[in-house]
Protein backbone atom coordinates (compact mmCIF):
# COMPACT_ATOMS: atom_id res chain seq x y z
CA UNK A 1 -113.30 -88.90 44.85
CA UNK A 2 -114.39 -85.51 43.50
CA UNK A 3 -112.43 -82.62 42.12
CA UNK A 4 -111.81 -79.83 44.63
CA UNK A 5 -113.16 -77.10 42.33
CA UNK A 6 -116.36 -79.05 41.66
CA UNK A 7 -116.83 -79.64 45.39
CA UNK A 8 -116.27 -75.95 46.16
CA UNK A 9 -118.79 -74.98 43.47
CA UNK A 10 -121.38 -77.34 44.98
CA UNK A 11 -120.83 -75.90 48.45
CA UNK A 12 -121.11 -72.28 47.31
CA UNK A 13 -124.13 -72.68 45.03
CA UNK A 14 -126.21 -75.78 45.75
CA UNK A 15 -128.19 -77.08 42.77
CA UNK A 16 -131.51 -77.29 44.57
CA UNK A 17 -134.67 -75.45 43.59
CA UNK A 18 -136.04 -73.00 46.15
CA UNK A 19 -139.65 -71.76 46.02
CA UNK A 20 -140.84 -68.47 47.46
CA UNK A 21 -142.85 -65.29 46.94
CA UNK A 22 -141.58 -62.06 45.40
CA UNK A 23 -141.42 -59.28 47.99
CA UNK A 24 -139.44 -56.67 46.08
CA UNK A 25 -138.39 -55.81 42.52
CA UNK A 26 -135.52 -53.62 41.37
CA UNK A 27 -135.03 -53.88 37.62
CA UNK A 28 -134.14 -57.46 36.68
CA UNK A 29 -133.31 -58.34 40.30
CA UNK A 30 -136.02 -59.62 42.63
CA UNK A 31 -136.07 -60.22 46.37
CA UNK A 32 -137.80 -63.47 47.26
CA UNK A 33 -139.07 -64.60 50.67
CA UNK A 34 -138.34 -68.31 51.13
CA UNK A 35 -138.58 -70.70 54.05
CA UNK A 36 -134.88 -70.03 54.73
CA UNK A 37 -135.20 -66.23 54.62
CA UNK A 38 -134.97 -63.53 51.97
CA UNK A 39 -132.96 -64.27 48.82
CA UNK A 40 -131.95 -62.00 45.94
CA UNK A 41 -132.01 -63.44 42.41
CA UNK A 42 -132.11 -62.33 38.79
CA UNK A 43 -135.22 -62.91 36.70
CA UNK A 44 -136.01 -63.10 33.00
CA UNK A 45 -139.80 -63.33 33.46
CA UNK A 46 -142.17 -60.45 34.09
CA UNK A 47 -143.05 -60.91 37.77
CA UNK A 48 -144.99 -58.82 40.27
CA UNK A 49 -144.87 -58.57 44.03
CA UNK A 50 -146.73 -61.57 45.47
CA UNK A 51 -145.98 -63.95 42.57
CA UNK A 52 -144.70 -67.43 43.41
CA UNK A 53 -141.30 -68.08 41.86
CA UNK A 54 -138.78 -70.89 41.91
CA UNK A 55 -135.06 -70.14 42.05
CA UNK A 56 -132.66 -72.49 40.31
CA UNK A 57 -129.02 -71.63 39.61
CA UNK A 58 -129.60 -68.04 40.72
CA UNK A 59 -132.41 -67.37 38.20
CA UNK A 60 -135.98 -66.82 39.40
CA UNK A 61 -138.78 -68.07 37.14
CA UNK A 62 -142.52 -68.24 37.72
CA UNK A 63 -143.47 -71.34 39.68
CA UNK A 64 -146.27 -73.59 38.45
CA UNK A 65 -149.51 -73.00 40.34
CA UNK A 66 -152.49 -75.25 40.93
CA UNK A 67 -155.45 -74.86 38.59
CA UNK A 68 -158.33 -72.91 40.08
CA UNK A 69 -160.95 -74.02 37.52
CA UNK A 70 -161.55 -77.66 36.74
CA UNK A 71 -163.31 -78.86 33.56
CA UNK A 72 -166.55 -80.73 34.13
């Protein structure tokens, strides 16, 4: 059995991480294109249009990217 407030919180703001690309910036608020559609989130990082970000708990941070150069 779960508490009603905790259940409501989980339904309103799921705790999953969503990955997408920044399509618009307005101050500290960014618009991110995800597989589920466009999402608006706050950011603390310096991001540019086209950057990959991950959104967790309503905050967008830069997503890790694959290395382009491999040491030999």
